[in-house]
Amino acid sequence: MNLRPDPGEYMKTQGDRVSSYLASVFADNEEPAVLFEAMNYSLLSPGKRLRPVLCLAAARTFGVDEQTVLPAAAAIEMLHAYSLIHDDLPAMDDDDLRRGRPTNHKVYGEATAILAGDGLLTFAFEQLAKPLAVDPARQLRMLHVLARAGGPYGMVGGQQADILGERQAGSAQQLQFIHAHKTAALIEASVEIGALFAELGEDKLSALRTFGNQIGLAFQIKDDLLDVVGDPEKMGKSTGADEKLDKLTYPRLLGIEQTDHMLNEVWQSALTALDDAQIDAPLLVALADFVVRRNS
């Protein structure tokens, strides 16, 4: 019987590993210098690196060395960093702080922030398309998975629905759509891409997608809760942003107590997906627990 690993230690070790890799991607003398500086400002900012770490953990679960997976994990973080830059823009969430620092557009201006996001988005696919120690058919599938998660059927569609939900009464169905696309899609893709480094059957890949999807929903529900009850100092950003924009969130729709209950139901659903497929994944379970119990 495997003992559950320490998720905090794994997050720290592998998060640092991802950060070191990301710091080596762009050379110091790249031009135009301000563009690469703005890209690195967000890409290398302090953060949990949850998505790339989940990618590494999924691969490790099936015996794949994390070093092999680092290029793909880095591509996922690039796409995530782009989305944060654009989400923070005045036309979107109009945030001043991200991870305890001024947002990209506050430092470099809106035009450069938009281009920095565009640069990270497109380079993510260049990064994932590089030669990898994996069958070409599975690498092509990874590219498809990432593109689907980042586009109109994933994050972009979720962001649009989120904007449309501002200052609207909304419904649980509408909110589910927003969370599933804006947040859960990329976390689901992170787990699937990591798993694609191993030779797994479709039944196990399907279970891992469900696990990733439910953990993604849990992550966003927890974010909604923390925006109401979290400590701004620990979170590195202001709380109450959702209320200021009158966003559609579970606390607004259901109240804090019922939202907390839903968080635990989603978490259990993620674990059940692994159990039903007879996937022994103590590391993924520990990281799922981290997502639910975190305070930032």
Protein backbone atom coordinates (compact mmCIF):
# COMPACT_ATOMS: atom_id res chain seq x y z
CA MET A 1 0.00 0.00 0.00
CA ASN A 2 1.45 3.37 -1.07
CA LEU A 3 1.73 6.09 1.50
CA ARG A 4 0.31 9.40 0.37
CA PRO A 5 3.18 11.81 -0.45
CA ASP A 6 3.45 15.33 0.92
CA PRO A 7 1.71 17.51 -1.71
CA GLY A 8 3.31 20.70 -0.42
CA GLU A 9 6.79 19.25 -0.81
CA TYR A 10 6.04 17.89 -4.27
CA MET A 11 4.47 21.20 -5.37
CA LYS A 12 7.55 23.08 -4.14
CA THR A 13 10.13 20.74 -5.66
CA GLN A 14 8.45 20.32 -9.03
CA GLY A 15 7.22 23.90 -9.14
CA ASP A 16 10.83 25.08 -8.74
CA ARG A 17 11.85 22.62 -11.44
CA VAL A 18 9.28 24.06 -13.84
CA SER A 19 10.32 27.62 -12.96
CA SER A 20 13.98 26.85 -13.67
CA TYR A 21 13.04 25.39 -17.03
CA LEU A 22 10.86 28.39 -17.90
CA ALA A 23 13.69 30.78 -16.99
CA SER A 24 15.87 29.12 -19.62
CA VAL A 25 13.40 29.33 -22.51
CA PHE A 26 14.01 32.88 -23.75
CA ALA A 27 17.55 34.23 -24.18
CA ASP A 28 18.56 37.46 -22.43
CA ASN A 29 19.28 39.31 -25.68
CA GLU A 30 15.97 38.66 -27.44
CA GLU A 31 14.44 41.60 -29.36
CA PRO A 32 12.18 43.50 -28.99
CA ALA A 33 13.47 43.48 -25.43
CA VAL A 34 10.36 44.97 -23.81
CA LEU A 35 8.16 42.21 -25.24
CA PHE A 36 10.29 39.39 -23.82
CA GLU A 37 10.66 41.26 -20.54
CA ALA A 38 6.87 41.54 -20.27
CA MET A 39 6.43 37.86 -21.19
CA ASN A 40 8.92 36.77 -18.55
CA TYR A 41 7.44 39.15 -15.98
CA SER A 42 4.25 37.09 -15.91
CA LEU A 43 5.69 33.72 -16.88
CA LEU A 44 8.30 33.75 -14.11
CA SER A 45 6.21 35.43 -11.42
CA PRO A 46 5.81 33.49 -8.16
CA GLY A 47 3.00 30.97 -8.27
CA LYS A 48 1.93 27.45 -7.36
CA ARG A 49 2.53 26.05 -10.88
CA LEU A 50 -0.43 23.76 -10.22
CA ARG A 51 -1.16 22.94 -13.86
CA PRO A 52 2.36 21.93 -14.92
CA VAL A 53 2.85 20.10 -11.63
CA LEU A 54 -0.32 18.09 -12.24
CA CYS A 55 1.02 17.27 -15.69
CA LEU A 56 4.29 16.00 -14.17
CA ALA A 57 2.44 14.09 -11.45
CA ALA A 58 0.15 12.35 -13.93
CA ALA A 59 3.15 11.13 -15.91
CA ARG A 60 5.01 10.05 -12.77
CA THR A 61 1.97 8.07 -11.63
CA PHE A 62 2.56 5.75 -14.57
CA GLY A 63 6.34 5.53 -14.26
CA VAL A 64 7.42 8.36 -16.57
CA ASP A 65 10.37 10.50 -15.43
CA GLU A 66 9.34 14.12 -14.88
CA GLN A 67 12.38 15.37 -16.81
CA THR A 68 10.88 13.91 -19.98
CA VAL A 69 7.65 15.82 -19.42
CA LEU A 70 9.08 19.26 -18.58
CA PRO A 71 8.73 20.77 -22.10
CA ALA A 72 5.02 19.91 -22.18
CA ALA A 73 4.49 21.15 -18.62
CA ALA A 74 6.18 24.42 -19.58
CA ALA A 75 3.86 24.82 -22.57
CA ILE A 76 0.86 24.47 -20.27
CA GLU A 77 2.21 27.16 -17.92
CA MET A 78 2.84 29.50 -20.86
CA LEU A 79 -0.76 29.20 -21.96
CA HIS A 80 -1.93 29.73 -18.38
CA ALA A 81 0.28 32.83 -17.98
CA TYR A 82 -1.12 34.32 -21.19
CA SER A 83 -4.65 33.86 -19.91
CA LEU A 84 -3.85 35.66 -16.65
CA ILE A 85 -2.35 38.64 -18.49
CA HIS A 86 -5.45 39.00 -20.62
CA ASP A 87 -7.88 38.34 -17.75
CA ASP A 88 -6.33 41.20 -15.78
CA LEU A 89 -6.73 43.78 -18.56
CA PRO A 90 -9.06 46.75 -18.01
CA ALA A 91 -11.41 45.38 -20.67
CA MET A 92 -11.72 42.13 -18.70
CA ASP A 93 -11.35 41.96 -14.89
CA ASP A 94 -9.35 45.21 -14.55
CA ASP A 95 -7.11 43.87 -11.77
CA ASP A 96 -4.17 45.79 -10.32
CA LEU A 97 -2.47 42.89 -8.52
CA ARG A 98 -1.54 39.36 -9.52
CA ARG A 99 0.49 37.03 -7.29
CA GLY A 100 1.38 39.92 -5.02
CA ARG A 101 2.76 42.13 -7.79
CA PRO A 102 1.32 44.77 -10.13
CA THR A 103 -0.41 43.18 -13.09
CA ASN A 104 1.33 43.13 -16.46
CA HIS A 105 -0.56 46.02 -17.98
CA LYS A 106 0.13 48.16 -14.91
CA VAL A 107 3.86 47.73 -15.52
CA TYR A 108 4.14 47.62 -19.32
CA GLY A 109 0.93 49.25 -20.56
CA GLU A 110 -2.07 47.63 -22.19
CA ALA A 111 -0.62 47.27 -25.71
CA THR A 112 2.53 45.46 -24.59
CA ALA A 113 0.54 43.32 -22.13
CA ILE A 114 -1.75 42.17 -24.94
CA LEU A 115 1.26 41.31 -27.12
CA ALA A 116 3.00 39.54 -24.24
CA GLY A 117 -0.08 37.38 -23.80
CA ASP A 118 -0.25 36.72 -27.53
CA GLY A 119 3.44 35.80 -27.53
CA LEU A 120 3.08 33.30 -24.70
CA LEU A 121 -0.03 31.75 -26.23
CA THR A 122 1.55 31.10 -29.61
CA PHE A 123 4.92 30.03 -28.19
CA ALA A 124 3.18 27.48 -25.99
CA PHE A 125 2.36 25.51 -29.15
CA GLU A 126 5.86 25.95 -30.56
CA GLN A 127 7.13 24.58 -27.25
CA LEU A 128 4.81 21.57 -27.28
CA ALA A 129 5.61 20.85 -30.94
CA LYS A 130 9.35 20.42 -30.27
CA PRO A 131 10.72 16.85 -30.44
CA LEU A 132 9.61 14.96 -27.35
CA ALA A 133 10.40 11.49 -26.02
CA VAL A 134 6.96 10.24 -26.98
CA ASP A 135 5.23 8.61 -29.95
CA PRO A 136 4.42 11.30 -32.60
CA ALA A 137 0.74 10.33 -32.64
CA ARG A 138 0.48 10.93 -28.91
CA GLN A 139 2.35 14.23 -29.23
CA LEU A 140 -0.12 15.33 -31.91
CA ARG A 141 -2.93 14.41 -29.53
CA MET A 142 -1.29 16.53 -26.82
CA LEU A 143 -1.32 19.52 -29.18
CA HIS A 144 -5.00 18.94 -29.89
CA VAL A 145 -5.82 18.62 -26.19
CA LEU A 146 -4.04 21.90 -25.34
CA ALA A 147 -5.59 23.76 -28.26
CA ARG A 148 -9.08 22.57 -27.34
CA ALA A 149 -8.60 23.59 -23.70
CA GLY A 150 -7.34 27.05 -24.58
CA GLY A 151 -9.77 28.00 -27.33
CA PRO A 152 -13.48 28.76 -27.82
CA TYR A 153 -14.49 25.34 -26.48
CA GLY A 154 -12.37 25.95 -23.37
CA MET A 155 -10.86 28.98 -21.70
CA VAL A 156 -11.84 31.60 -24.28
CA GLY A 157 -15.44 30.44 -24.31
CA GLY A 158 -15.47 30.37 -20.52
CA GLN A 159 -14.11 33.89 -20.27
CA GLN A 160 -16.77 35.16 -22.66
CA ALA A 161 -19.51 33.46 -20.64
CA ASP A 162 -18.00 34.94 -17.47
CA ILE A 163 -18.21 38.45 -18.92
CA LEU A 164 -21.80 37.87 -20.05
CA GLY A 165 -22.65 36.66 -16.53
CA GLU A 166 -21.59 39.91 -14.86
CA ARG A 167 -24.48 41.79 -13.25
CA GLN A 168 -26.91 39.07 -14.28
CA ALA A 169 -29.06 36.91 -12.02
CA GLY A 170 -27.58 33.79 -13.61
CA SER A 171 -28.19 30.13 -12.88
CA ALA A 172 -26.29 27.11 -11.58
CA GLN A 173 -26.18 25.73 -15.14
CA GLN A 174 -24.64 28.93 -16.48
CA LEU A 175 -22.10 28.99 -13.66
CA GLN A 176 -21.19 25.34 -14.27
CA PHE A 177 -20.49 26.21 -17.90
CA ILE A 178 -18.21 29.09 -16.93
CA HIS A 179 -16.19 27.05 -14.44
CA ALA A 180 -15.95 23.99 -16.69
CA HIS A 181 -14.57 26.04 -19.58
CA LYS A 182 -12.65 28.91 -18.02
CA THR A 183 -10.77 26.93 -15.37
CA ALA A 184 -11.41 23.18 -15.43
CA ALA A 185 -10.59 22.74 -19.13
CA LEU A 186 -6.88 23.55 -18.75
CA ILE A 187 -6.50 21.58 -15.53
CA GLU A 188 -8.16 18.58 -17.20
CA ALA A 189 -5.80 19.03 -20.16
CA SER A 190 -2.79 19.18 -17.83
CA VAL A 191 -3.61 15.77 -16.37
CA GLU A 192 -4.39 14.25 -19.77
CA ILE A 193 -1.21 15.56 -21.41
CA GLY A 194 0.89 14.12 -18.59
CA ALA A 195 -0.91 10.79 -18.88
CA LEU A 196 -0.31 10.71 -22.66
CA PHE A 197 3.40 10.27 -21.98
CA ALA A 198 2.47 6.78 -20.77
CA GLU A 199 0.85 4.10 -22.91
CA LEU A 200 -2.60 3.94 -21.36
CA GLY A 201 -5.89 2.57 -22.60
CA GLU A 202 -8.81 4.85 -23.34
CA ASP A 203 -10.64 3.74 -20.19
CA LYS A 204 -7.87 5.03 -17.94
CA LEU A 205 -7.42 8.21 -19.99
CA SER A 206 -11.15 8.87 -19.69
CA ALA A 207 -11.01 8.43 -15.90
CA LEU A 208 -8.04 10.79 -15.67
CA ARG A 209 -9.88 13.38 -17.74
CA THR A 210 -12.80 13.15 -15.32
CA PHE A 211 -10.41 13.47 -12.39
CA GLY A 212 -8.77 16.54 -13.94
CA ASN A 213 -12.11 18.11 -14.78
CA GLN A 214 -13.44 17.68 -11.24
CA ILE A 215 -10.23 18.98 -9.68
CA GLY A 216 -10.45 21.96 -12.02
CA LEU A 217 -14.00 22.67 -10.86
CA ALA A 218 -12.91 22.27 -7.23
CA PHE A 219 -10.07 24.73 -7.82
CA GLN A 220 -12.43 27.38 -9.18
CA ILE A 221 -15.05 26.83 -6.47
CA LYS A 222 -12.30 27.25 -3.88
CA ASP A 223 -11.16 30.42 -5.66
CA ASP A 224 -14.71 31.77 -5.45
CA LEU A 225 -14.77 31.02 -1.72
CA LEU A 226 -11.36 32.59 -1.12
CA ASP A 227 -12.45 35.77 -2.89
CA VAL A 228 -15.07 36.10 -0.15
CA VAL A 229 -13.34 34.72 2.94
CA GLY A 230 -9.64 34.60 1.98
CA ASP A 231 -6.72 36.60 3.40
CA PRO A 232 -5.47 39.11 0.77
CA GLU A 233 -1.94 38.96 2.20
CA LYS A 234 -1.74 35.18 1.77
CA MET A 235 -3.41 35.28 -1.64
CA GLY A 236 -1.21 38.02 -3.09
CA LYS A 237 -4.19 39.87 -4.54
CA SER A 238 -7.22 41.81 -3.40
CA THR A 239 -10.33 39.96 -2.31
CA GLY A 240 -13.86 41.04 -3.17
CA ALA A 241 -13.09 41.43 -6.88
CA ASP A 242 -15.98 39.15 -7.86
CA GLU A 243 -18.42 41.17 -5.79
CA LYS A 244 -17.11 44.44 -7.23
CA LEU A 245 -17.79 43.18 -10.76
CA ASP A 246 -21.01 41.50 -9.60
CA LYS A 247 -19.73 38.25 -11.08
CA LEU A 248 -21.71 35.05 -11.10
CA THR A 249 -20.13 32.82 -8.44
CA TYR A 250 -21.28 29.95 -6.24
CA PRO A 251 -21.11 32.00 -3.01
CA ARG A 252 -23.31 34.62 -4.63
CA LEU A 253 -25.70 31.98 -6.00
CA LEU A 254 -25.79 29.47 -3.12
CA GLY A 255 -24.14 31.07 -0.10
CA ILE A 256 -20.86 30.10 1.56
CA GLU A 257 -22.05 27.00 3.46
CA GLN A 258 -23.67 25.34 0.44
CA THR A 259 -20.68 26.26 -1.75
CA ASP A 260 -18.35 24.57 0.71
CA HIS A 261 -20.55 21.48 0.60
CA MET A 262 -20.41 21.47 -3.21
CA LEU A 263 -16.61 21.76 -3.10
CA ASN A 264 -16.38 18.55 -1.10
CA GLU A 265 -18.81 16.74 -3.41
CA VAL A 266 -16.73 17.66 -6.46
CA TRP A 267 -13.55 16.56 -4.70
CA GLN A 268 -15.10 13.18 -3.87
CA SER A 269 -16.21 12.83 -7.49
CA ALA A 270 -12.60 13.27 -8.61
CA LEU A 271 -11.41 10.53 -6.27
CA THR A 272 -14.23 8.20 -7.32
CA ALA A 273 -13.16 8.50 -10.97
CA LEU A 274 -9.74 7.11 -10.07
CA ASP A 275 -11.17 4.37 -7.86
CA ASP A 276 -13.65 3.20 -10.49
CA ALA A 277 -10.85 2.85 -13.04
CA GLN A 278 -8.63 1.09 -10.48
CA ILE A 279 -5.95 3.75 -10.80
CA ASP A 280 -3.61 3.79 -7.81
CA ALA A 281 -2.51 7.43 -7.75
CA PRO A 282 -1.57 8.59 -4.24
CA LEU A 283 0.32 11.58 -5.63
CA LEU A 284 -2.66 12.83 -7.65
CA VAL A 285 -4.95 12.27 -4.66
CA ALA A 286 -2.60 14.28 -2.44
CA LEU A 287 -2.55 17.13 -4.95
CA ALA A 288 -6.35 17.03 -5.14
CA ASP A 289 -6.45 17.39 -1.38
CA PHE A 290 -4.08 20.36 -1.65
CA VAL A 291 -6.44 22.07 -4.11
CA VAL A 292 -9.39 21.73 -1.74
CA ARG A 293 -7.57 22.65 1.50
CA ARG A 294 -5.39 25.55 0.26
CA ASN A 295 -5.74 29.07 1.67
CA SER A 296 -4.32 31.02 -1.26
